[in-house]
Amino acid sequence: MNRPAWDEYFMELAEVVSKRSTCLRRSVGAILVRDKLILATGYNGAPTGLKHCSEIGCLREEQRVPSGERHEICRALHAEQNVLVQAARHGISTKDATLYCTTEPCVLCAKMLINAGIRRIVFKEEYPDDLARQMLGEADVARVRFMPGEARGMDAPGEACGKDGSDGTL
């Protein structure tokens, strides 16, 4: 039996979460994890109860706004914003959690993640935002680019997986 490493497992779940996205430009999924337990999930889409871009069209496309610019011209929240909102809505602390996200956070999300106490971000696709990277580095938030098949993070050789030093098997 070939069990996935923890980073691979959680990243695969973030990919599934991204399938709920209603953004016409990019589908992003995010999961907050602490001690190998999922705290909350989020994907990019309009606020609860409002019409989604998939229903009424994309403001950014209509106004020809380039990716990475003018974030305020968008009906949607980013997946990282939604995962933090979901945790807050249910009274779940995000302190010292790891974020698994299908796309690297932008500067707006990076600032929120720093203030939420996120200590580690594992992402699959890079997002070109040097200020986000700089601020995360300054805040000592670990950034890990997920590469399928590589042992890293919680599963790195010589690093204890469980809080008690166990291998983390359930």
N, C-alpha and C. Protein backbone atom coordinates (compact mmCIF):
# COMPACT_ATOMS: atom_id res chain seq x y z
N MET A 1 0.85 -1.18 0.00
CA MET A 1 0.00 0.00 0.00
C MET A 1 0.89 1.24 0.00
N ASN A 2 0.60 2.16 -0.89
CA ASN A 2 1.39 3.37 -1.04
C ASN A 2 0.61 4.56 -0.50
N ARG A 3 0.87 4.94 0.76
CA ARG A 3 0.17 6.07 1.37
C ARG A 3 0.85 7.38 0.98
N PRO A 4 0.06 8.41 0.70
CA PRO A 4 0.67 9.70 0.36
C PRO A 4 1.31 10.34 1.59
N ALA A 5 2.37 11.11 1.36
CA ALA A 5 2.95 11.92 2.44
C ALA A 5 1.90 12.95 2.85
N TRP A 6 2.04 13.51 4.04
CA TRP A 6 1.04 14.45 4.55
C TRP A 6 0.87 15.66 3.64
N ASP A 7 1.97 16.25 3.19
CA ASP A 7 1.84 17.40 2.29
C ASP A 7 1.09 17.04 1.03
N GLU A 8 1.37 15.87 0.48
CA GLU A 8 0.68 15.41 -0.72
C GLU A 8 -0.81 15.20 -0.45
N TYR A 9 -1.11 14.58 0.67
CA TYR A 9 -2.49 14.32 1.08
C TYR A 9 -3.30 15.62 1.17
N PHE A 10 -2.75 16.59 1.91
CA PHE A 10 -3.48 17.85 2.10
C PHE A 10 -3.54 18.66 0.81
N MET A 11 -2.50 18.60 0.00
CA MET A 11 -2.55 19.33 -1.27
C MET A 11 -3.59 18.71 -2.20
N GLU A 12 -3.71 17.40 -2.21
CA GLU A 12 -4.75 16.76 -3.02
C GLU A 12 -6.13 17.20 -2.56
N LEU A 13 -6.31 17.35 -1.26
CA LEU A 13 -7.60 17.82 -0.74
C LEU A 13 -7.84 19.28 -1.15
N ALA A 14 -6.80 20.10 -1.15
CA ALA A 14 -6.94 21.49 -1.60
C ALA A 14 -7.35 21.53 -3.08
N GLU A 15 -6.82 20.61 -3.87
CA GLU A 15 -7.21 20.51 -5.29
C GLU A 15 -8.70 20.18 -5.41
N VAL A 16 -9.19 19.28 -4.57
CA VAL A 16 -10.62 18.94 -4.60
C VAL A 16 -11.45 20.16 -4.20
N VAL A 17 -11.02 20.88 -3.15
CA VAL A 17 -11.73 22.07 -2.71
C VAL A 17 -11.79 23.11 -3.83
N SER A 18 -10.72 23.23 -4.62
CA SER A 18 -10.68 24.22 -5.71
C SER A 18 -11.77 23.97 -6.75
N LYS A 19 -12.29 22.75 -6.82
CA LYS A 19 -13.34 22.43 -7.79
C LYS A 19 -14.67 23.13 -7.47
N ARG A 20 -14.79 23.68 -6.25
CA ARG A 20 -15.98 24.44 -5.87
C ARG A 20 -15.90 25.90 -6.32
N SER A 21 -14.74 26.32 -6.81
CA SER A 21 -14.53 27.71 -7.23
C SER A 21 -15.54 28.11 -8.30
N THR A 22 -15.94 29.39 -8.23
CA THR A 22 -16.84 29.91 -9.25
C THR A 22 -16.18 31.03 -10.06
N CYS A 23 -14.88 31.20 -9.87
CA CYS A 23 -14.12 32.20 -10.62
C CYS A 23 -13.92 31.70 -12.05
N LEU A 24 -14.06 32.63 -12.99
CA LEU A 24 -13.90 32.26 -14.40
C LEU A 24 -12.44 32.28 -14.85
N ARG A 25 -11.56 32.90 -14.05
CA ARG A 25 -10.15 33.03 -14.42
C ARG A 25 -9.25 31.98 -13.80
N ARG A 26 -9.50 31.65 -12.53
CA ARG A 26 -8.57 30.77 -11.82
C ARG A 26 -9.33 30.05 -10.71
N SER A 27 -9.19 28.74 -10.63
CA SER A 27 -9.80 27.96 -9.54
C SER A 27 -8.75 27.70 -8.48
N VAL A 28 -9.04 28.19 -7.26
CA VAL A 28 -8.08 28.06 -6.17
C VAL A 28 -8.77 27.42 -4.97
N GLY A 29 -8.08 26.48 -4.33
CA GLY A 29 -8.58 25.86 -3.11
C GLY A 29 -7.57 26.01 -2.00
N ALA A 30 -8.06 26.12 -0.76
CA ALA A 30 -7.19 26.29 0.40
C ALA A 30 -7.70 25.46 1.57
N ILE A 31 -6.76 24.95 2.35
CA ILE A 31 -7.08 24.18 3.55
C ILE A 31 -6.17 24.65 4.67
N LEU A 32 -6.74 24.88 5.85
CA LEU A 32 -5.94 25.18 7.03
C LEU A 32 -5.81 23.91 7.85
N VAL A 33 -4.58 23.61 8.26
CA VAL A 33 -4.30 22.37 8.99
C VAL A 33 -3.43 22.68 10.20
N ARG A 34 -3.73 22.03 11.30
CA ARG A 34 -2.85 22.07 12.47
C ARG A 34 -2.85 20.68 13.09
N ASP A 35 -1.66 20.19 13.40
CA ASP A 35 -1.50 18.85 13.99
C ASP A 35 -2.20 17.77 13.16
N LYS A 36 -2.10 17.91 11.84
CA LYS A 36 -2.67 16.97 10.87
C LYS A 36 -4.20 16.91 10.89
N LEU A 37 -4.83 17.94 11.44
CA LEU A 37 -6.28 18.03 11.45
C LEU A 37 -6.72 19.22 10.61
N ILE A 38 -7.71 19.01 9.77
CA ILE A 38 -8.23 20.09 8.92
C ILE A 38 -9.08 21.01 9.78
N LEU A 39 -8.73 22.29 9.79
CA LEU A 39 -9.46 23.29 10.56
C LEU A 39 -10.57 23.93 9.75
N ALA A 40 -10.30 24.21 8.47
CA ALA A 40 -11.28 24.88 7.61
C ALA A 40 -10.84 24.74 6.16
N THR A 41 -11.77 24.96 5.26
CA THR A 41 -11.48 24.95 3.82
C THR A 41 -12.03 26.23 3.20
N GLY A 42 -11.49 26.58 2.05
CA GLY A 42 -12.00 27.75 1.34
C GLY A 42 -11.65 27.67 -0.14
N TYR A 43 -12.47 28.30 -0.95
CA TYR A 43 -12.20 28.40 -2.38
C TYR A 43 -12.58 29.80 -2.82
N ASN A 44 -12.13 30.23 -4.00
CA ASN A 44 -12.45 31.58 -4.45
C ASN A 44 -13.85 31.63 -5.06
N GLY A 45 -14.59 32.63 -4.62
CA GLY A 45 -15.95 32.82 -5.09
C GLY A 45 -16.60 33.99 -4.37
N ALA A 46 -17.78 34.37 -4.83
CA ALA A 46 -18.51 35.50 -4.27
C ALA A 46 -18.93 35.23 -2.83
N PRO A 47 -19.18 36.29 -2.05
CA PRO A 47 -19.66 36.11 -0.68
C PRO A 47 -20.96 35.29 -0.64
N THR A 48 -21.17 34.63 0.47
CA THR A 48 -22.34 33.78 0.68
C THR A 48 -23.63 34.52 0.32
N GLY A 49 -24.44 33.87 -0.50
CA GLY A 49 -25.75 34.41 -0.86
C GLY A 49 -25.75 35.35 -2.05
N LEU A 50 -24.56 35.73 -2.53
CA LEU A 50 -24.50 36.63 -3.69
C LEU A 50 -24.26 35.82 -4.96
N LYS A 51 -24.62 36.42 -6.09
CA LYS A 51 -24.42 35.74 -7.36
C LYS A 51 -22.93 35.63 -7.67
N HIS A 52 -22.59 34.51 -8.26
CA HIS A 52 -21.20 34.23 -8.61
C HIS A 52 -20.90 34.69 -10.04
N CYS A 53 -19.62 34.91 -10.29
CA CYS A 53 -19.18 35.31 -11.63
C CYS A 53 -19.60 34.27 -12.68
N SER A 54 -19.62 33.00 -12.27
CA SER A 54 -20.03 31.95 -13.21
C SER A 54 -21.50 32.12 -13.63
N GLU A 55 -22.26 32.91 -12.85
CA GLU A 55 -23.67 33.17 -13.18
C GLU A 55 -23.86 34.48 -13.93
N ILE A 56 -23.07 35.52 -13.57
CA ILE A 56 -23.34 36.86 -14.11
C ILE A 56 -22.17 37.46 -14.88
N GLY A 57 -21.08 36.74 -14.98
CA GLY A 57 -19.93 37.25 -15.71
C GLY A 57 -18.87 37.83 -14.80
N CYS A 58 -17.73 38.09 -15.37
CA CYS A 58 -16.56 38.54 -14.62
C CYS A 58 -16.33 40.03 -14.85
N LEU A 59 -16.40 40.81 -13.79
CA LEU A 59 -16.13 42.25 -13.86
C LEU A 59 -14.73 42.53 -14.38
N ARG A 60 -13.78 41.73 -13.93
CA ARG A 60 -12.38 41.94 -14.31
C ARG A 60 -12.18 41.70 -15.81
N GLU A 61 -12.85 40.70 -16.34
CA GLU A 61 -12.77 40.43 -17.78
C GLU A 61 -13.43 41.57 -18.56
N GLU A 62 -14.61 42.01 -18.09
CA GLU A 62 -15.34 43.08 -18.77
C GLU A 62 -14.51 44.36 -18.83
N GLN A 63 -13.76 44.64 -17.74
CA GLN A 63 -12.96 45.87 -17.67
C GLN A 63 -11.51 45.65 -18.09
N ARG A 64 -11.20 44.45 -18.53
CA ARG A 64 -9.85 44.09 -19.00
C ARG A 64 -8.77 44.38 -17.95
N VAL A 65 -9.05 43.98 -16.72
CA VAL A 65 -8.09 44.17 -15.62
C VAL A 65 -7.09 43.00 -15.65
N PRO A 66 -5.81 43.29 -15.76
CA PRO A 66 -4.80 42.21 -15.78
C PRO A 66 -4.74 41.46 -14.45
N SER A 67 -4.35 40.21 -14.51
CA SER A 67 -4.17 39.40 -13.32
C SER A 67 -3.15 40.06 -12.39
N GLY A 68 -3.44 40.04 -11.10
CA GLY A 68 -2.52 40.60 -10.12
C GLY A 68 -2.69 42.09 -9.87
N GLU A 69 -3.61 42.73 -10.56
CA GLU A 69 -3.84 44.17 -10.39
C GLU A 69 -5.28 44.44 -9.97
N ARG A 70 -5.47 45.54 -9.27
CA ARG A 70 -6.80 46.05 -8.91
C ARG A 70 -7.71 44.97 -8.32
N HIS A 71 -7.25 44.33 -7.25
CA HIS A 71 -8.00 43.24 -6.60
C HIS A 71 -9.40 43.68 -6.16
N GLU A 72 -9.57 44.98 -5.92
CA GLU A 72 -10.87 45.46 -5.45
C GLU A 72 -11.95 45.38 -6.53
N ILE A 73 -11.54 45.24 -7.78
CA ILE A 73 -12.52 45.10 -8.87
C ILE A 73 -12.77 43.60 -9.08
N CYS A 74 -13.51 43.03 -8.16
CA CYS A 74 -13.81 41.59 -8.22
C CYS A 74 -14.91 41.28 -7.21
N ARG A 75 -15.85 40.47 -7.60
CA ARG A 75 -16.92 40.07 -6.68
C ARG A 75 -16.46 39.01 -5.69
N ALA A 76 -15.40 38.32 -6.03
CA ALA A 76 -15.00 37.14 -5.26
C ALA A 76 -14.03 37.44 -4.13
N LEU A 77 -14.03 36.57 -3.16
CA LEU A 77 -12.98 36.51 -2.15
C LEU A 77 -11.99 35.46 -2.62
N HIS A 78 -10.73 35.63 -2.25
CA HIS A 78 -9.73 34.62 -2.55
C HIS A 78 -9.93 33.42 -1.64
N ALA A 79 -9.44 32.28 -2.06
CA ALA A 79 -9.56 31.05 -1.27
C ALA A 79 -8.95 31.23 0.12
N GLU A 80 -7.80 31.92 0.19
CA GLU A 80 -7.13 32.14 1.47
C GLU A 80 -7.98 33.01 2.39
N GLN A 81 -8.65 34.01 1.82
CA GLN A 81 -9.55 34.85 2.61
C GLN A 81 -10.73 34.03 3.11
N ASN A 82 -11.30 33.22 2.23
CA ASN A 82 -12.45 32.40 2.62
C ASN A 82 -12.10 31.37 3.70
N VAL A 83 -10.91 30.78 3.63
CA VAL A 83 -10.56 29.78 4.64
C VAL A 83 -10.40 30.45 6.01
N LEU A 84 -9.87 31.67 6.04
CA LEU A 84 -9.75 32.40 7.32
C LEU A 84 -11.12 32.81 7.84
N VAL A 85 -11.99 33.25 6.95
CA VAL A 85 -13.34 33.65 7.34
C VAL A 85 -14.10 32.44 7.90
N GLN A 86 -13.97 31.30 7.23
CA GLN A 86 -14.66 30.10 7.71
C GLN A 86 -14.18 29.69 9.10
N ALA A 87 -12.88 29.75 9.32
CA ALA A 87 -12.34 29.43 10.65
C ALA A 87 -12.90 30.40 11.69
N ALA A 88 -12.88 31.69 11.39
CA ALA A 88 -13.39 32.70 12.32
C ALA A 88 -14.88 32.50 12.59
N ARG A 89 -15.63 32.22 11.55
CA ARG A 89 -17.08 32.05 11.67
C ARG A 89 -17.45 30.90 12.62
N HIS A 90 -16.57 29.92 12.68
CA HIS A 90 -16.83 28.75 13.54
C HIS A 90 -15.99 28.76 14.81
N GLY A 91 -15.34 29.87 15.09
CA GLY A 91 -14.59 30.02 16.34
C GLY A 91 -13.34 29.16 16.42
N ILE A 92 -12.69 28.93 15.29
CA ILE A 92 -11.50 28.07 15.25
C ILE A 92 -10.24 28.93 15.18
N SER A 93 -9.34 28.72 16.11
CA SER A 93 -8.08 29.46 16.11
C SER A 93 -7.22 29.00 14.93
N THR A 94 -6.57 29.96 14.29
CA THR A 94 -5.69 29.66 13.17
C THR A 94 -4.22 29.76 13.57
N LYS A 95 -3.96 30.08 14.82
CA LYS A 95 -2.60 30.27 15.31
C LYS A 95 -1.76 29.01 15.07
N ASP A 96 -0.58 29.22 14.48
CA ASP A 96 0.40 28.16 14.22
C ASP A 96 -0.08 27.10 13.23
N ALA A 97 -1.08 27.43 12.41
CA ALA A 97 -1.58 26.48 11.42
C ALA A 97 -0.73 26.54 10.15
N THR A 98 -0.91 25.52 9.32
CA THR A 98 -0.32 25.47 7.98
C THR A 98 -1.43 25.67 6.97
N LEU A 99 -1.16 26.50 5.97
CA LEU A 99 -2.10 26.69 4.87
C LEU A 99 -1.61 25.87 3.68
N TYR A 100 -2.49 25.05 3.12
CA TYR A 100 -2.24 24.36 1.85
C TYR A 100 -3.11 25.07 0.83
N CYS A 101 -2.48 25.56 -0.23
CA CYS A 101 -3.22 26.34 -1.22
C CYS A 101 -2.73 25.97 -2.62
N THR A 102 -3.64 25.86 -3.54
CA THR A 102 -3.26 25.47 -4.90
C THR A 102 -2.46 26.56 -5.60
N THR A 103 -2.56 27.82 -5.13
CA THR A 103 -1.81 28.94 -5.70
C THR A 103 -1.16 29.73 -4.57
N GLU A 104 0.04 30.20 -4.82
CA GLU A 104 0.76 31.03 -3.84
C GLU A 104 -0.05 32.30 -3.54
N PRO A 105 -0.11 32.73 -2.28
CA PRO A 105 -0.93 33.90 -1.91
C PRO A 105 -0.41 35.22 -2.48
N CYS A 106 -1.36 36.12 -2.76
CA CYS A 106 -1.05 37.49 -3.15
C CYS A 106 -0.73 38.29 -1.89
N VAL A 107 -0.35 39.54 -2.05
CA VAL A 107 0.03 40.37 -0.90
C VAL A 107 -1.15 40.62 0.04
N LEU A 108 -2.36 40.79 -0.49
CA LEU A 108 -3.52 40.98 0.38
C LEU A 108 -3.74 39.78 1.29
N CYS A 109 -3.68 38.61 0.72
CA CYS A 109 -3.86 37.39 1.49
C CYS A 109 -2.68 37.15 2.43
N ALA A 110 -1.47 37.45 1.96
CA ALA A 110 -0.28 37.27 2.80
C ALA A 110 -0.40 38.07 4.08
N LYS A 111 -0.86 39.31 3.99
CA LYS A 111 -1.01 40.15 5.18
C LYS A 111 -2.03 39.54 6.15
N MET A 112 -3.12 39.02 5.61
CA MET A 112 -4.13 38.39 6.46
C MET A 112 -3.59 37.12 7.12
N LEU A 113 -2.87 36.33 6.34
CA LEU A 113 -2.31 35.08 6.86
C LEU A 113 -1.29 35.35 7.96
N ILE A 114 -0.48 36.38 7.79
CA ILE A 114 0.49 36.77 8.83
C ILE A 114 -0.25 37.12 10.11
N ASN A 115 -1.26 37.97 10.02
CA ASN A 115 -2.01 38.37 11.21
C ASN A 115 -2.83 37.25 11.82
N ALA A 116 -3.17 36.25 11.02
CA ALA A 116 -3.93 35.10 11.53
C ALA A 116 -3.02 34.09 12.23
N GLY A 117 -1.71 34.30 12.19
CA GLY A 117 -0.79 33.41 12.89
C GLY A 117 -0.38 32.18 12.10
N ILE A 118 -0.58 32.19 10.78
CA ILE A 118 -0.17 31.06 9.95
C ILE A 118 1.36 31.00 9.95
N ARG A 119 1.92 29.82 10.18
CA ARG A 119 3.37 29.67 10.29
C ARG A 119 4.01 29.04 9.05
N ARG A 120 3.20 28.38 8.23
CA ARG A 120 3.74 27.66 7.07
C ARG A 120 2.72 27.68 5.96
N ILE A 121 3.18 27.94 4.74
CA ILE A 121 2.31 27.94 3.56
C ILE A 121 2.89 26.98 2.54
N VAL A 122 2.09 26.00 2.15
CA VAL A 122 2.48 25.05 1.12
C VAL A 122 1.60 25.36 -0.09
N PHE A 123 2.22 25.65 -1.23
CA PHE A 123 1.46 26.03 -2.42
C PHE A 123 1.96 25.24 -3.61
N LYS A 124 1.11 25.12 -4.61
CA LYS A 124 1.47 24.37 -5.81
C LYS A 124 1.92 25.29 -6.93
N GLU A 125 1.10 26.25 -7.32
CA GLU A 125 1.44 27.15 -8.43
C GLU A 125 1.96 28.47 -7.88
N GLU A 126 3.02 28.97 -8.48
CA GLU A 126 3.56 30.27 -8.07
C GLU A 126 2.64 31.39 -8.55
N TYR A 127 2.62 32.48 -7.77
CA TYR A 127 1.91 33.70 -8.15
C TYR A 127 2.92 34.84 -8.08
N PRO A 128 3.06 35.62 -9.13
CA PRO A 128 4.14 36.62 -9.19
C PRO A 128 3.87 37.84 -8.31
N ASP A 129 4.17 37.74 -7.03
CA ASP A 129 3.95 38.86 -6.11
C ASP A 129 5.14 38.94 -5.15
N ASP A 130 6.13 39.71 -5.54
CA ASP A 130 7.36 39.83 -4.74
C ASP A 130 7.11 40.44 -3.37
N LEU A 131 6.18 41.39 -3.26
CA LEU A 131 5.90 41.99 -1.96
C LEU A 131 5.31 40.96 -1.00
N ALA A 132 4.44 40.09 -1.50
CA ALA A 132 3.88 39.03 -0.65
C ALA A 132 5.00 38.14 -0.12
N ARG A 133 5.91 37.74 -1.00
CA ARG A 133 7.04 36.89 -0.58
C ARG A 133 7.91 37.59 0.43
N GLN A 134 8.19 38.87 0.20
CA GLN A 134 9.02 39.65 1.11
C GLN A 134 8.38 39.74 2.50
N MET A 135 7.10 40.05 2.54
CA MET A 135 6.41 40.20 3.83
C MET A 135 6.31 38.87 4.57
N LEU A 136 6.03 37.79 3.85
CA LEU A 136 5.98 36.48 4.50
C LEU A 136 7.34 36.10 5.07
N GLY A 137 8.40 36.40 4.34
CA GLY A 137 9.75 36.13 4.83
C GLY A 137 10.08 36.96 6.06
N GLU A 138 9.72 38.22 6.03
CA GLU A 138 9.96 39.12 7.16
C GLU A 138 9.21 38.64 8.41
N ALA A 139 8.05 38.04 8.21
CA ALA A 139 7.23 37.52 9.32
C ALA A 139 7.62 36.10 9.72
N ASP A 140 8.66 35.55 9.09
CA ASP A 140 9.11 34.18 9.37
C ASP A 140 8.04 33.13 9.09
N VAL A 141 7.23 33.37 8.07
CA VAL A 141 6.26 32.37 7.63
C VAL A 141 6.97 31.53 6.55
N ALA A 142 7.05 30.23 6.79
CA ALA A 142 7.72 29.34 5.83
C ALA A 142 6.87 29.21 4.58
N ARG A 143 7.50 29.34 3.43
CA ARG A 143 6.86 29.15 2.13
C ARG A 143 7.46 27.90 1.51
N VAL A 144 6.61 26.96 1.13
CA VAL A 144 7.09 25.70 0.55
C VAL A 144 6.36 25.46 -0.75
N ARG A 145 7.10 25.41 -1.84
CA ARG A 145 6.49 25.06 -3.13
C ARG A 145 6.32 23.55 -3.17
N PHE A 146 5.09 23.10 -3.33
CA PHE A 146 4.79 21.67 -3.36
C PHE A 146 5.22 21.07 -4.69
N MET A 147 6.01 20.04 -4.60
CA MET A 147 6.44 19.31 -5.78
C MET A 147 6.05 17.85 -5.56
N PRO A 148 5.09 17.33 -6.31
CA PRO A 148 4.63 15.96 -6.11
C PRO A 148 5.80 14.97 -6.09
N GLY A 149 5.74 14.06 -5.14
CA GLY A 149 6.75 13.01 -5.05
C GLY A 149 7.96 13.34 -4.21
N GLU A 150 8.12 14.60 -3.80
CA GLU A 150 9.26 14.97 -2.97
C GLU A 150 8.86 14.92 -1.50
N ALA A 151 9.71 14.31 -0.68
CA ALA A 151 9.48 14.31 0.77
C ALA A 151 9.91 15.67 1.30
N ARG A 152 9.01 16.35 1.98
CA ARG A 152 9.35 17.65 2.54
C ARG A 152 8.39 17.96 3.68
N GLY A 153 8.71 19.04 4.38
CA GLY A 153 7.82 19.51 5.44
C GLY A 153 7.63 18.47 6.52
N MET A 154 6.38 18.14 6.81
CA MET A 154 6.06 17.23 7.90
C MET A 154 6.60 15.84 7.67
N ASP A 155 6.95 15.52 6.44
CA ASP A 155 7.40 14.17 6.13
C ASP A 155 8.88 14.10 5.81
N ALA A 156 9.60 15.18 6.01
CA ALA A 156 11.03 15.18 5.69
C ALA A 156 11.77 14.16 6.53
N PRO A 157 12.75 13.47 5.94
CA PRO A 157 13.51 12.48 6.69
C PRO A 157 14.15 13.11 7.93
N GLY A 158 14.06 12.39 9.04
CA GLY A 158 14.67 12.85 10.27
C GLY A 158 13.81 13.81 11.06
N GLU A 159 12.68 14.21 10.52
CA GLU A 159 11.81 15.14 11.22
C GLU A 159 10.63 14.36 11.79
N ALA A 160 10.34 14.56 13.06
CA ALA A 160 9.23 13.86 13.69
C ALA A 160 7.92 14.30 13.06
N CYS A 161 7.05 13.35 12.79
CA CYS A 161 5.77 13.67 12.19
C CYS A 161 4.73 14.00 13.24
N GLY A 162 4.61 13.17 14.25
CA GLY A 162 3.62 13.39 15.29
C GLY A 162 4.17 14.26 16.39
N LYS A 163 3.26 14.90 17.18
CA LYS A 163 3.70 15.72 18.31
C LYS A 163 4.51 14.90 19.29
N ASP A 164 4.19 13.61 19.39
CA ASP A 164 4.89 12.75 20.33
C ASP A 164 6.10 12.07 19.70
N GLY A 165 6.44 12.46 18.47
CA GLY A 165 7.60 11.87 17.79
C GLY A 165 7.26 10.60 17.04
N SER A 166 5.97 10.22 17.02
CA SER A 166 5.57 9.02 16.29
C SER A 166 5.63 9.29 14.80
N ASP A 167 5.38 8.25 14.01
CA ASP A 167 5.40 8.42 12.56
C ASP A 167 4.10 8.98 12.02
N GLY A 168 3.14 9.25 12.88
CA GLY A 168 1.90 9.89 12.47
C GLY A 168 0.86 8.93 11.92
N THR A 169 1.08 7.61 12.00
CA THR A 169 0.09 6.69 11.47
C THR A 169 -1.13 6.71 12.37
N LEU A 170 -2.27 6.51 11.73
CA LEU A 170 -3.53 6.51 12.47
C LEU A 170 -4.08 5.12 12.60
